Amino acid sequence: MTDSGNRVDDVGVGPWDGAWPDDERLDPDLLREGDRRNVVDAYRYWRHEAIVADLDTRRHDFHVAIENWEHDFNIGSVVRTANAMGAAAFHIVGRRRWNRRGAMVTDRYQHEHHHATPGELASWARAHGIRLIGIDNLPGSRALETYDLPRKAMLVFGQEGPGLSEAMRAECEATLHIEQFGSTRSINAGAAAAIAMHAWVRRHVFDQSVGDAATTGAH
């Protein structure tokens, strides 16, 4: 079953019907057997390497980093959203192994980096001109909704429950929270990551600047 409740056989397309197209991007095995992968229709029958190469021509300037100290199951969900939002790459900080189930194989189409410590991540980011922005609901954090996210940003997420480690907070130039209006103290880490990534997309893909409000929102 898929996450939408459909049968696996209903997803994607079956074997190619007719003469095979002359296109080196296409995979002969997929043409022969059908393509049931979790990819958009434009990439049906494409070889994995061809999809990655095409994505590389239009990835966005933001990166995503996730701390992985306790094998948080939300990491896969964050990576899946990073793929959907066109992140340049995702970074795992801490344990190299992580729960890939929630990624729905989308991690295969992304560039993955591993850093043993927050300091290593920060050094990598500085060397590439990327600014670290933490996402966590903490005393002194600023509102994501009114903060002008930099174009070359690394959105950094902690684990469900403990959030960002103290060492990671020290490496981030700013920590942002998502405004909430109900009774719950926090929202799911995967949901928070999706909101933050989409805020970057709105700002830099659709040019929806927050203007003068960027300096407000102390919490």
N, C-alpha and C. Protein backbone atom coordinates (compact mmCIF):
# COMPACT_ATOMS: atom_id res chain seq x y z
N MET A 1 0.84 -1.20 0.00
CA MET A 1 0.00 0.00 0.00
C MET A 1 0.87 1.25 0.00
N THR A 2 0.39 2.32 -0.57
CA THR A 2 1.08 3.60 -0.51
C THR A 2 0.52 4.40 0.65
N ASP A 3 1.14 5.58 0.94
CA ASP A 3 0.66 6.38 2.05
C ASP A 3 -0.70 7.01 1.76
N SER A 4 -1.14 6.97 0.51
CA SER A 4 -2.45 7.52 0.17
C SER A 4 -3.53 6.44 0.15
N GLY A 5 -3.13 5.19 0.42
CA GLY A 5 -4.10 4.11 0.46
C GLY A 5 -4.29 3.39 -0.85
N ASN A 6 -3.54 3.79 -1.90
CA ASN A 6 -3.68 3.12 -3.19
C ASN A 6 -2.79 1.88 -3.23
N ARG A 7 -3.14 0.94 -4.09
CA ARG A 7 -2.29 -0.21 -4.31
C ARG A 7 -1.00 0.23 -4.99
N VAL A 8 0.10 -0.47 -4.66
CA VAL A 8 1.38 -0.14 -5.27
C VAL A 8 1.29 -0.20 -6.78
N ASP A 9 0.54 -1.19 -7.32
CA ASP A 9 0.44 -1.34 -8.77
C ASP A 9 -0.27 -0.17 -9.42
N ASP A 10 -0.99 0.64 -8.64
CA ASP A 10 -1.69 1.78 -9.21
C ASP A 10 -0.80 3.01 -9.35
N VAL A 11 0.38 2.96 -8.74
CA VAL A 11 1.29 4.10 -8.75
C VAL A 11 2.20 4.01 -9.95
N GLY A 12 2.44 5.14 -10.60
CA GLY A 12 3.37 5.16 -11.71
C GLY A 12 2.78 4.67 -13.02
N VAL A 13 3.64 4.07 -13.84
CA VAL A 13 3.23 3.63 -15.18
C VAL A 13 3.73 2.22 -15.44
N GLY A 14 3.08 1.53 -16.34
CA GLY A 14 3.48 0.18 -16.71
C GLY A 14 4.56 0.19 -17.78
N PRO A 15 4.83 -0.96 -18.37
CA PRO A 15 5.84 -1.05 -19.43
C PRO A 15 5.54 -0.10 -20.59
N TRP A 16 6.59 0.36 -21.24
CA TRP A 16 6.44 1.28 -22.38
C TRP A 16 5.69 0.59 -23.50
N ASP A 17 4.74 1.29 -24.11
CA ASP A 17 3.93 0.75 -25.18
C ASP A 17 4.39 1.33 -26.51
N GLY A 18 4.87 0.49 -27.39
CA GLY A 18 5.32 0.96 -28.70
C GLY A 18 6.83 0.94 -28.82
N ALA A 19 7.32 1.56 -29.90
CA ALA A 19 8.76 1.60 -30.14
C ALA A 19 9.45 2.40 -29.03
N TRP A 20 10.57 1.92 -28.57
CA TRP A 20 11.27 2.61 -27.50
C TRP A 20 11.82 3.94 -27.97
N PRO A 21 11.70 4.97 -27.15
CA PRO A 21 12.22 6.29 -27.53
C PRO A 21 13.75 6.30 -27.52
N ASP A 22 14.32 7.13 -28.37
CA ASP A 22 15.78 7.26 -28.44
C ASP A 22 16.19 8.38 -27.49
N ASP A 23 16.38 8.03 -26.23
CA ASP A 23 16.68 9.02 -25.21
C ASP A 23 17.60 8.37 -24.18
N GLU A 24 18.84 8.82 -24.10
CA GLU A 24 19.81 8.19 -23.21
C GLU A 24 19.48 8.36 -21.73
N ARG A 25 18.56 9.28 -21.41
CA ARG A 25 18.17 9.46 -20.02
C ARG A 25 17.29 8.31 -19.53
N LEU A 26 16.70 7.57 -20.42
CA LEU A 26 15.74 6.54 -20.05
C LEU A 26 16.43 5.21 -19.71
N ASP A 27 15.83 4.49 -18.79
CA ASP A 27 16.36 3.22 -18.30
C ASP A 27 15.67 2.07 -19.02
N PRO A 28 16.43 1.23 -19.73
CA PRO A 28 15.80 0.12 -20.46
C PRO A 28 15.00 -0.82 -19.56
N ASP A 29 15.47 -1.07 -18.36
CA ASP A 29 14.74 -1.95 -17.45
C ASP A 29 13.39 -1.35 -17.06
N LEU A 30 13.36 -0.04 -16.82
CA LEU A 30 12.10 0.61 -16.46
C LEU A 30 11.15 0.65 -17.66
N LEU A 31 11.69 0.86 -18.85
CA LEU A 31 10.85 0.83 -20.04
C LEU A 31 10.22 -0.55 -20.21
N ARG A 32 10.99 -1.56 -19.89
CA ARG A 32 10.53 -2.94 -20.09
C ARG A 32 9.53 -3.36 -19.00
N GLU A 33 9.80 -2.97 -17.76
CA GLU A 33 9.03 -3.48 -16.63
C GLU A 33 8.02 -2.49 -16.05
N GLY A 34 8.14 -1.22 -16.42
CA GLY A 34 7.29 -0.19 -15.83
C GLY A 34 8.02 0.55 -14.73
N ASP A 35 7.50 1.71 -14.39
CA ASP A 35 8.16 2.57 -13.40
C ASP A 35 7.19 2.88 -12.28
N ARG A 36 7.40 2.27 -11.12
CA ARG A 36 6.53 2.46 -9.96
C ARG A 36 7.20 3.28 -8.87
N ARG A 37 8.24 4.00 -9.19
CA ARG A 37 8.98 4.75 -8.19
C ARG A 37 8.22 5.98 -7.71
N ASN A 38 8.66 6.52 -6.58
CA ASN A 38 8.10 7.74 -6.02
C ASN A 38 8.76 8.95 -6.67
N VAL A 39 8.44 9.19 -7.94
CA VAL A 39 8.96 10.34 -8.68
C VAL A 39 7.81 11.02 -9.42
N VAL A 40 8.00 12.28 -9.74
CA VAL A 40 6.98 13.01 -10.50
C VAL A 40 6.90 12.43 -11.91
N ASP A 41 5.79 12.65 -12.56
CA ASP A 41 5.56 12.06 -13.88
C ASP A 41 6.62 12.46 -14.90
N ALA A 42 7.17 13.66 -14.77
CA ALA A 42 8.17 14.12 -15.73
C ALA A 42 9.42 13.24 -15.74
N TYR A 43 9.65 12.50 -14.64
CA TYR A 43 10.83 11.65 -14.53
C TYR A 43 10.53 10.17 -14.75
N ARG A 44 9.35 9.84 -15.21
CA ARG A 44 9.02 8.45 -15.46
C ARG A 44 9.98 7.84 -16.49
N TYR A 45 10.47 6.67 -16.17
CA TYR A 45 11.40 5.88 -16.98
C TYR A 45 12.83 6.42 -16.98
N TRP A 46 13.07 7.56 -16.31
CA TRP A 46 14.43 8.11 -16.31
C TRP A 46 15.35 7.26 -15.43
N ARG A 47 16.61 7.16 -15.84
CA ARG A 47 17.62 6.55 -14.99
C ARG A 47 17.83 7.39 -13.73
N HIS A 48 18.20 6.74 -12.64
CA HIS A 48 18.43 7.44 -11.39
C HIS A 48 19.46 8.55 -11.57
N GLU A 49 20.58 8.25 -12.23
CA GLU A 49 21.64 9.23 -12.42
C GLU A 49 21.17 10.42 -13.24
N ALA A 50 20.28 10.17 -14.20
CA ALA A 50 19.78 11.26 -15.03
C ALA A 50 18.88 12.19 -14.22
N ILE A 51 18.09 11.63 -13.31
CA ILE A 51 17.23 12.45 -12.46
C ILE A 51 18.08 13.35 -11.56
N VAL A 52 19.09 12.76 -10.92
CA VAL A 52 19.97 13.54 -10.04
C VAL A 52 20.65 14.66 -10.83
N ALA A 53 21.13 14.33 -12.02
CA ALA A 53 21.81 15.34 -12.83
C ALA A 53 20.86 16.48 -13.21
N ASP A 54 19.63 16.15 -13.53
CA ASP A 54 18.67 17.19 -13.88
C ASP A 54 18.33 18.05 -12.66
N LEU A 55 18.14 17.41 -11.51
CA LEU A 55 17.86 18.17 -10.29
C LEU A 55 19.02 19.10 -9.95
N ASP A 56 20.24 18.67 -10.23
CA ASP A 56 21.41 19.49 -9.92
C ASP A 56 21.43 20.80 -10.69
N THR A 57 20.70 20.88 -11.78
CA THR A 57 20.67 22.12 -12.56
C THR A 57 19.72 23.16 -11.98
N ARG A 58 18.91 22.75 -10.98
CA ARG A 58 17.91 23.68 -10.48
C ARG A 58 17.61 23.55 -8.99
N ARG A 59 18.56 23.00 -8.24
CA ARG A 59 18.37 22.96 -6.79
C ARG A 59 18.46 24.37 -6.23
N HIS A 60 17.81 24.57 -5.09
CA HIS A 60 17.82 25.88 -4.45
C HIS A 60 19.08 26.06 -3.60
N ASP A 61 19.24 27.26 -3.05
CA ASP A 61 20.45 27.61 -2.31
C ASP A 61 20.41 27.24 -0.83
N PHE A 62 19.32 26.69 -0.34
CA PHE A 62 19.28 26.36 1.07
C PHE A 62 19.63 24.89 1.30
N HIS A 63 20.24 24.64 2.45
CA HIS A 63 20.57 23.29 2.89
C HIS A 63 19.75 22.98 4.14
N VAL A 64 19.69 21.71 4.48
CA VAL A 64 18.99 21.27 5.67
C VAL A 64 19.94 20.41 6.50
N ALA A 65 19.98 20.67 7.80
CA ALA A 65 20.80 19.86 8.69
C ALA A 65 19.93 19.31 9.81
N ILE A 66 20.16 18.05 10.17
CA ILE A 66 19.38 17.40 11.22
C ILE A 66 20.34 16.74 12.21
N GLU A 67 20.15 17.03 13.48
CA GLU A 67 20.95 16.34 14.50
C GLU A 67 20.40 14.93 14.69
N ASN A 68 21.31 13.97 14.81
CA ASN A 68 20.92 12.56 14.89
C ASN A 68 21.67 11.90 16.04
N TRP A 69 21.18 12.11 17.24
CA TRP A 69 21.81 11.50 18.41
C TRP A 69 21.02 10.29 18.91
N GLU A 70 19.73 10.22 18.63
CA GLU A 70 18.89 9.16 19.18
C GLU A 70 18.07 8.44 18.10
N HIS A 71 18.53 8.48 16.86
CA HIS A 71 17.82 7.84 15.74
C HIS A 71 16.36 8.30 15.65
N ASP A 72 16.17 9.59 15.63
CA ASP A 72 14.83 10.16 15.55
C ASP A 72 14.14 9.71 14.25
N PHE A 73 12.95 9.14 14.37
CA PHE A 73 12.24 8.66 13.19
C PHE A 73 11.76 9.78 12.28
N ASN A 74 11.77 11.04 12.78
CA ASN A 74 11.33 12.18 11.96
C ASN A 74 12.34 12.55 10.87
N ILE A 75 13.56 12.07 10.97
CA ILE A 75 14.59 12.47 10.01
C ILE A 75 14.16 12.13 8.58
N GLY A 76 13.61 10.95 8.38
CA GLY A 76 13.17 10.57 7.04
C GLY A 76 12.14 11.53 6.49
N SER A 77 11.22 11.97 7.33
CA SER A 77 10.20 12.92 6.89
C SER A 77 10.83 14.25 6.49
N VAL A 78 11.83 14.70 7.26
CA VAL A 78 12.51 15.95 6.95
C VAL A 78 13.23 15.85 5.61
N VAL A 79 13.89 14.73 5.37
CA VAL A 79 14.61 14.54 4.12
C VAL A 79 13.64 14.49 2.94
N ARG A 80 12.52 13.84 3.12
CA ARG A 80 11.52 13.79 2.04
C ARG A 80 11.04 15.19 1.67
N THR A 81 10.81 16.03 2.69
CA THR A 81 10.38 17.40 2.41
C THR A 81 11.51 18.20 1.77
N ALA A 82 12.75 17.96 2.20
CA ALA A 82 13.89 18.65 1.60
C ALA A 82 13.96 18.35 0.11
N ASN A 83 13.67 17.12 -0.27
CA ASN A 83 13.63 16.77 -1.68
C ASN A 83 12.51 17.53 -2.40
N ALA A 84 11.33 17.54 -1.78
CA ALA A 84 10.18 18.20 -2.41
C ALA A 84 10.40 19.70 -2.58
N MET A 85 11.11 20.31 -1.63
CA MET A 85 11.35 21.75 -1.68
C MET A 85 12.60 22.12 -2.47
N GLY A 86 13.32 21.13 -2.98
CA GLY A 86 14.49 21.42 -3.82
C GLY A 86 15.72 21.85 -3.06
N ALA A 87 15.93 21.31 -1.86
CA ALA A 87 17.11 21.67 -1.08
C ALA A 87 18.39 21.28 -1.81
N ALA A 88 19.43 22.06 -1.63
CA ALA A 88 20.71 21.75 -2.27
C ALA A 88 21.27 20.44 -1.77
N ALA A 89 21.13 20.19 -0.46
CA ALA A 89 21.65 18.96 0.15
C ALA A 89 21.08 18.85 1.56
N PHE A 90 21.20 17.66 2.13
CA PHE A 90 20.87 17.52 3.55
C PHE A 90 22.08 16.99 4.29
N HIS A 91 22.18 17.37 5.56
CA HIS A 91 23.34 17.07 6.38
C HIS A 91 22.89 16.36 7.65
N ILE A 92 23.53 15.27 7.96
CA ILE A 92 23.27 14.53 9.18
C ILE A 92 24.39 14.82 10.16
N VAL A 93 24.04 15.28 11.35
CA VAL A 93 25.03 15.62 12.37
C VAL A 93 24.91 14.62 13.52
N GLY A 94 26.02 13.99 13.87
CA GLY A 94 25.98 12.99 14.94
C GLY A 94 26.16 11.61 14.38
N ARG A 95 25.26 10.71 14.70
CA ARG A 95 25.35 9.34 14.21
C ARG A 95 25.16 9.28 12.70
N ARG A 96 26.02 8.53 12.05
CA ARG A 96 25.95 8.45 10.59
C ARG A 96 24.69 7.71 10.12
N ARG A 97 24.32 6.64 10.83
CA ARG A 97 23.14 5.88 10.43
C ARG A 97 21.88 6.59 10.92
N TRP A 98 20.87 6.62 10.06
CA TRP A 98 19.60 7.24 10.44
C TRP A 98 18.46 6.46 9.83
N ASN A 99 17.28 6.64 10.38
CA ASN A 99 16.09 5.91 9.96
C ASN A 99 15.60 6.46 8.62
N ARG A 100 15.82 5.70 7.56
CA ARG A 100 15.50 6.18 6.21
C ARG A 100 14.07 5.84 5.76
N ARG A 101 13.34 5.13 6.58
CA ARG A 101 12.03 4.66 6.16
C ARG A 101 11.11 5.81 5.74
N GLY A 102 11.06 6.86 6.54
CA GLY A 102 10.16 7.97 6.23
C GLY A 102 10.56 8.78 5.03
N ALA A 103 11.77 8.59 4.53
CA ALA A 103 12.23 9.35 3.36
C ALA A 103 11.60 8.85 2.07
N MET A 104 11.01 7.66 2.09
CA MET A 104 10.35 7.09 0.91
C MET A 104 11.27 7.08 -0.31
N VAL A 105 12.55 6.75 -0.07
CA VAL A 105 13.59 6.61 -1.09
C VAL A 105 14.00 7.95 -1.71
N THR A 106 13.42 9.06 -1.26
CA THR A 106 13.77 10.36 -1.84
C THR A 106 15.21 10.75 -1.54
N ASP A 107 15.81 10.16 -0.48
CA ASP A 107 17.20 10.49 -0.16
C ASP A 107 18.16 10.10 -1.28
N ARG A 108 17.77 9.14 -2.10
CA ARG A 108 18.63 8.70 -3.21
C ARG A 108 18.83 9.80 -4.24
N TYR A 109 17.96 10.77 -4.27
CA TYR A 109 18.04 11.83 -5.26
C TYR A 109 18.64 13.12 -4.69
N GLN A 110 19.05 13.06 -3.42
CA GLN A 110 19.63 14.22 -2.74
C GLN A 110 21.11 13.97 -2.47
N HIS A 111 21.84 15.07 -2.24
CA HIS A 111 23.23 14.97 -1.83
C HIS A 111 23.27 14.95 -0.30
N GLU A 112 23.91 13.93 0.24
CA GLU A 112 23.95 13.74 1.69
C GLU A 112 25.36 13.96 2.21
N HIS A 113 25.47 14.69 3.32
CA HIS A 113 26.75 14.93 3.98
C HIS A 113 26.63 14.52 5.45
N HIS A 114 27.71 14.03 6.00
CA HIS A 114 27.72 13.67 7.42
C HIS A 114 28.78 14.48 8.15
N HIS A 115 28.42 14.95 9.35
CA HIS A 115 29.34 15.70 10.21
C HIS A 115 29.23 15.11 11.61
N ALA A 116 30.33 14.81 12.22
CA ALA A 116 30.31 14.16 13.52
C ALA A 116 29.83 15.08 14.63
N THR A 117 30.08 16.38 14.49
CA THR A 117 29.75 17.33 15.55
C THR A 117 29.17 18.61 14.96
N PRO A 118 28.48 19.41 15.78
CA PRO A 118 28.01 20.72 15.31
C PRO A 118 29.16 21.60 14.82
N GLY A 119 30.32 21.50 15.47
CA GLY A 119 31.47 22.29 15.03
C GLY A 119 31.91 21.95 13.63
N GLU A 120 31.89 20.66 13.29
CA GLU A 120 32.27 20.25 11.94
C GLU A 120 31.27 20.78 10.91
N LEU A 121 29.98 20.73 11.26
CA LEU A 121 28.96 21.28 10.36
C LEU A 121 29.20 22.77 10.14
N ALA A 122 29.45 23.50 11.22
CA ALA A 122 29.66 24.95 11.12
C ALA A 122 30.88 25.26 10.27
N SER A 123 31.94 24.50 10.43
CA SER A 123 33.15 24.73 9.62
C SER A 123 32.87 24.52 8.14
N TRP A 124 32.11 23.45 7.84
CA TRP A 124 31.75 23.18 6.44
C TRP A 124 30.91 24.33 5.89
N ALA A 125 29.95 24.79 6.68
CA ALA A 125 29.07 25.87 6.22
C ALA A 125 29.85 27.16 5.98
N ARG A 126 30.73 27.51 6.89
CA ARG A 126 31.52 28.73 6.72
C ARG A 126 32.39 28.65 5.47
N ALA A 127 32.95 27.49 5.20
CA ALA A 127 33.80 27.33 4.02
C ALA A 127 33.03 27.49 2.73
N HIS A 128 31.70 27.29 2.79
CA HIS A 128 30.86 27.41 1.60
C HIS A 128 29.98 28.67 1.63
N GLY A 129 30.25 29.56 2.56
CA GLY A 129 29.49 30.82 2.61
C GLY A 129 28.04 30.64 2.97
N ILE A 130 27.74 29.65 3.81
CA ILE A 130 26.36 29.34 4.19
C ILE A 130 26.15 29.69 5.65
N ARG A 131 25.03 30.33 5.95
CA ARG A 131 24.73 30.79 7.31
C ARG A 131 23.81 29.79 8.02
N LEU A 132 24.16 29.44 9.25
CA LEU A 132 23.39 28.47 10.02
C LEU A 132 22.24 29.16 10.75
N ILE A 133 21.03 28.67 10.49
CA ILE A 133 19.82 29.19 11.13
C ILE A 133 19.12 28.04 11.85
N GLY A 134 19.07 28.10 13.17
CA GLY A 134 18.42 27.07 13.94
C GLY A 134 16.91 27.25 13.96
N ILE A 135 16.18 26.15 13.99
CA ILE A 135 14.72 26.18 14.09
C ILE A 135 14.33 25.45 15.36
N ASP A 136 13.88 26.20 16.38
CA ASP A 136 13.51 25.60 17.65
C ASP A 136 12.74 26.62 18.47
N ASN A 137 11.83 26.13 19.27
CA ASN A 137 11.01 27.00 20.12
C ASN A 137 11.72 27.18 21.46
N LEU A 138 12.55 28.21 21.53
CA LEU A 138 13.41 28.42 22.70
C LEU A 138 13.26 29.83 23.25
N PRO A 139 13.54 30.05 24.51
CA PRO A 139 13.57 31.41 25.04
C PRO A 139 14.59 32.25 24.25
N GLY A 140 14.19 33.43 23.84
CA GLY A 140 15.06 34.29 23.07
C GLY A 140 15.03 34.05 21.57
N SER A 141 14.31 33.03 21.12
CA SER A 141 14.21 32.79 19.68
C SER A 141 13.34 33.86 19.03
N ARG A 142 13.49 34.00 17.73
CA ARG A 142 12.75 35.00 16.97
C ARG A 142 11.74 34.31 16.06
N ALA A 143 10.71 35.04 15.68
CA ALA A 143 9.64 34.44 14.88
C ALA A 143 10.09 34.18 13.44
N LEU A 144 9.92 32.97 12.99
CA LEU A 144 10.23 32.63 11.61
C LEU A 144 9.45 33.50 10.64
N GLU A 145 8.21 33.78 11.00
CA GLU A 145 7.30 34.50 10.10
C GLU A 145 7.76 35.92 9.79
N THR A 146 8.56 36.51 10.67
CA THR A 146 8.98 37.91 10.48
C THR A 146 10.49 38.05 10.32
N TYR A 147 11.17 36.94 10.12
CA TYR A 147 12.63 36.96 9.97
C TYR A 147 12.98 36.82 8.49
N ASP A 148 13.90 37.64 8.02
CA ASP A 148 14.29 37.61 6.61
C ASP A 148 15.37 36.54 6.42
N LEU A 149 14.95 35.36 6.04
CA LEU A 149 15.87 34.25 5.89
C LEU A 149 16.91 34.55 4.80
N PRO A 150 18.19 34.31 5.08
CA PRO A 150 19.21 34.53 4.05
C PRO A 150 19.07 33.53 2.92
N ARG A 151 19.50 33.92 1.74
CA ARG A 151 19.40 33.01 0.60
C ARG A 151 20.29 31.79 0.81
N LYS A 152 21.54 32.00 1.16
CA LYS A 152 22.44 30.87 1.38
C LYS A 152 22.36 30.48 2.85
N ALA A 153 21.36 29.67 3.16
CA ALA A 153 21.07 29.31 4.54
C ALA A 153 21.15 27.81 4.75
N MET A 154 21.53 27.43 5.95
CA MET A 154 21.44 26.06 6.41
C MET A 154 20.38 26.04 7.50
N LEU A 155 19.23 25.45 7.23
CA LEU A 155 18.17 25.35 8.23
C LEU A 155 18.47 24.14 9.10
N VAL A 156 18.64 24.37 10.39
CA VAL A 156 19.14 23.33 11.29
C VAL A 156 18.04 22.89 12.25
N PHE A 157 17.79 21.59 12.31
CA PHE A 157 16.71 21.04 13.11
C PHE A 157 17.26 20.06 14.14
N GLY A 158 16.68 20.11 15.34
CA GLY A 158 17.04 19.16 16.38
C GLY A 158 16.12 17.95 16.34
N GLN A 159 16.15 17.19 17.39
CA GLN A 159 15.35 15.98 17.48
C GLN A 159 14.03 16.25 18.18
N GLU A 160 13.10 15.36 17.93
CA GLU A 160 11.80 15.44 18.61
C GLU A 160 12.03 15.37 20.12
N GLY A 161 11.50 16.33 20.85
CA GLY A 161 11.67 16.34 22.30
C GLY A 161 12.78 17.28 22.74
N PRO A 162 14.05 16.85 22.68
CA PRO A 162 15.13 17.72 23.17
C PRO A 162 15.41 18.92 22.29
N GLY A 163 15.07 18.86 21.02
CA GLY A 163 15.34 19.98 20.12
C GLY A 163 16.82 20.12 19.83
N LEU A 164 17.24 21.33 19.50
CA LEU A 164 18.64 21.58 19.17
C LEU A 164 19.51 21.40 20.41
N SER A 165 20.67 20.78 20.21
CA SER A 165 21.62 20.65 21.32
C SER A 165 22.23 22.01 21.64
N GLU A 166 22.76 22.15 22.84
CA GLU A 166 23.39 23.41 23.22
C GLU A 166 24.56 23.73 22.31
N ALA A 167 25.32 22.71 21.93
CA ALA A 167 26.45 22.93 21.04
C ALA A 167 26.00 23.46 19.69
N MET A 168 24.87 22.96 19.18
CA MET A 168 24.38 23.43 17.90
C MET A 168 23.82 24.84 18.00
N ARG A 169 23.13 25.13 19.08
CA ARG A 169 22.61 26.49 19.26
C ARG A 169 23.75 27.51 19.22
N ALA A 170 24.88 27.15 19.80
CA ALA A 170 26.01 28.08 19.85
C ALA A 170 26.58 28.35 18.46
N GLU A 171 26.39 27.43 17.53
CA GLU A 171 26.93 27.60 16.17
C GLU A 171 25.98 28.38 15.26
N CYS A 172 24.70 28.49 15.64
CA CYS A 172 23.72 29.16 14.78
C CYS A 172 23.73 30.66 15.01
N GLU A 173 23.65 31.43 13.94
CA GLU A 173 23.64 32.88 14.09
C GLU A 173 22.29 33.38 14.57
N ALA A 174 21.26 32.59 14.38
CA ALA A 174 19.92 32.94 14.87
C ALA A 174 19.14 31.66 15.10
N THR A 175 18.23 31.70 16.06
CA THR A 175 17.31 30.59 16.29
C THR A 175 15.90 31.12 16.13
N LEU A 176 15.12 30.44 15.31
CA LEU A 176 13.78 30.90 14.97
C LEU A 176 12.74 29.90 15.47
N HIS A 177 11.60 30.44 15.92
CA HIS A 177 10.49 29.58 16.30
C HIS A 177 9.32 29.82 15.35
N ILE A 178 8.39 28.87 15.32
CA ILE A 178 7.17 28.99 14.52
C ILE A 178 6.05 29.40 15.46
N GLU A 179 5.38 30.49 15.15
CA GLU A 179 4.31 30.97 16.01
C GLU A 179 3.17 29.95 16.07
N GLN A 180 2.67 29.71 17.26
CA GLN A 180 1.56 28.77 17.47
C GLN A 180 0.42 29.48 18.21
N PHE A 181 -0.78 29.01 17.96
CA PHE A 181 -1.95 29.71 18.47
C PHE A 181 -2.93 28.79 19.20
N GLY A 182 -2.53 27.55 19.43
CA GLY A 182 -3.39 26.62 20.13
C GLY A 182 -2.86 26.30 21.52
N SER A 183 -3.25 25.16 22.06
CA SER A 183 -2.88 24.80 23.43
C SER A 183 -1.62 23.95 23.51
N THR A 184 -1.20 23.32 22.40
CA THR A 184 -0.05 22.44 22.45
C THR A 184 1.24 23.23 22.61
N ARG A 185 2.19 22.64 23.32
CA ARG A 185 3.46 23.33 23.58
C ARG A 185 4.36 23.35 22.34
N SER A 186 4.25 22.33 21.51
CA SER A 186 5.12 22.24 20.35
C SER A 186 4.44 21.46 19.24
N ILE A 187 5.03 21.51 18.05
CA ILE A 187 4.52 20.73 16.92
C ILE A 187 5.57 19.71 16.52
N ASN A 188 5.15 18.71 15.79
CA ASN A 188 6.02 17.64 15.33
C ASN A 188 7.23 18.21 14.59
N ALA A 189 8.41 17.60 14.83
CA ALA A 189 9.64 18.10 14.22
C ALA A 189 9.58 18.06 12.69
N GLY A 190 8.96 17.01 12.15
CA GLY A 190 8.84 16.93 10.70
C GLY A 190 7.96 18.03 10.13
N ALA A 191 6.88 18.36 10.85
CA ALA A 191 5.99 19.44 10.42
C ALA A 191 6.70 20.78 10.52
N ALA A 192 7.44 20.98 11.59
CA ALA A 192 8.17 22.25 11.77
C ALA A 192 9.18 22.44 10.65
N ALA A 193 9.87 21.37 10.28
CA ALA A 193 10.85 21.46 9.20
C ALA A 193 10.19 21.84 7.88
N ALA A 194 9.04 21.25 7.60
CA ALA A 194 8.32 21.56 6.36
C ALA A 194 7.92 23.03 6.32
N ILE A 195 7.43 23.55 7.44
CA ILE A 195 7.04 24.96 7.50
C ILE A 195 8.24 25.86 7.25
N ALA A 196 9.37 25.54 7.88
CA ALA A 196 10.56 26.38 7.74
C ALA A 196 11.09 26.37 6.31
N MET A 197 11.13 25.19 5.70
CA MET A 197 11.61 25.12 4.32
C MET A 197 10.71 25.89 3.38
N HIS A 198 9.39 25.77 3.60
CA HIS A 198 8.47 26.50 2.72
C HIS A 198 8.58 28.00 2.93
N ALA A 199 8.93 28.43 4.14
CA ALA A 199 9.15 29.86 4.37
C ALA A 199 10.32 30.35 3.53
N TRP A 200 11.38 29.54 3.41
CA TRP A 200 12.51 29.93 2.55
C TRP A 200 12.06 29.98 1.10
N VAL A 201 11.28 29.02 0.67
CA VAL A 201 10.80 28.99 -0.72
C VAL A 201 9.96 30.23 -1.02
N ARG A 202 9.06 30.59 -0.11
CA ARG A 202 8.24 31.78 -0.32
C ARG A 202 9.11 33.02 -0.43
N ARG A 203 10.14 33.10 0.39
CA ARG A 203 10.98 34.30 0.40
C ARG A 203 11.84 34.40 -0.84
N HIS A 204 12.46 33.30 -1.27
CA HIS A 204 13.47 33.39 -2.32
C HIS A 204 13.05 32.84 -3.67
N VAL A 205 12.03 32.02 -3.73
CA VAL A 205 11.53 31.54 -5.02
C VAL A 205 10.40 32.44 -5.51
N PHE A 206 9.52 32.83 -4.58
CA PHE A 206 8.40 33.68 -4.95
C PHE A 206 8.61 35.13 -4.53
N ASP A 207 9.78 35.43 -3.93
CA ASP A 207 10.18 36.78 -3.57
C ASP A 207 9.14 37.48 -2.71
N GLN A 208 8.64 36.77 -1.70
CA GLN A 208 7.69 37.36 -0.75
C GLN A 208 8.47 37.84 0.46
N SER A 209 9.07 39.01 0.33
CA SER A 209 9.91 39.56 1.40
C SER A 209 9.07 39.96 2.59
N VAL A 210 9.65 39.77 3.78
CA VAL A 210 8.94 40.18 5.00
C VAL A 210 9.19 41.65 5.30
N GLY A 211 10.06 42.30 4.51
CA GLY A 211 10.26 43.74 4.64
C GLY A 211 10.78 44.16 6.00
N ASP A 212 10.28 45.30 6.47
CA ASP A 212 10.76 45.86 7.73
C ASP A 212 10.44 45.00 8.94
N ALA A 213 9.50 44.07 8.79
CA ALA A 213 9.13 43.21 9.92
C ALA A 213 10.21 42.21 10.25
N ALA A 214 11.25 42.13 9.41
CA ALA A 214 12.28 41.13 9.61
C ALA A 214 13.03 41.31 10.92
N THR A 215 13.05 42.49 11.46
CA THR A 215 13.81 42.73 12.68
C THR A 215 12.97 42.60 13.92
N THR A 216 11.70 42.22 13.77
CA THR A 216 10.82 42.08 14.93
C THR A 216 10.60 40.63 15.26
N GLY A 217 9.81 40.37 16.26
CA GLY A 217 9.43 39.01 16.55
C GLY A 217 10.22 38.37 17.67
N ALA A 218 10.78 39.15 18.58
CA ALA A 218 11.48 38.56 19.72
C ALA A 218 10.49 37.75 20.55
N HIS A 219 10.99 36.65 21.11
CA HIS A 219 10.09 35.74 21.83
C HIS A 219 10.72 35.32 23.14
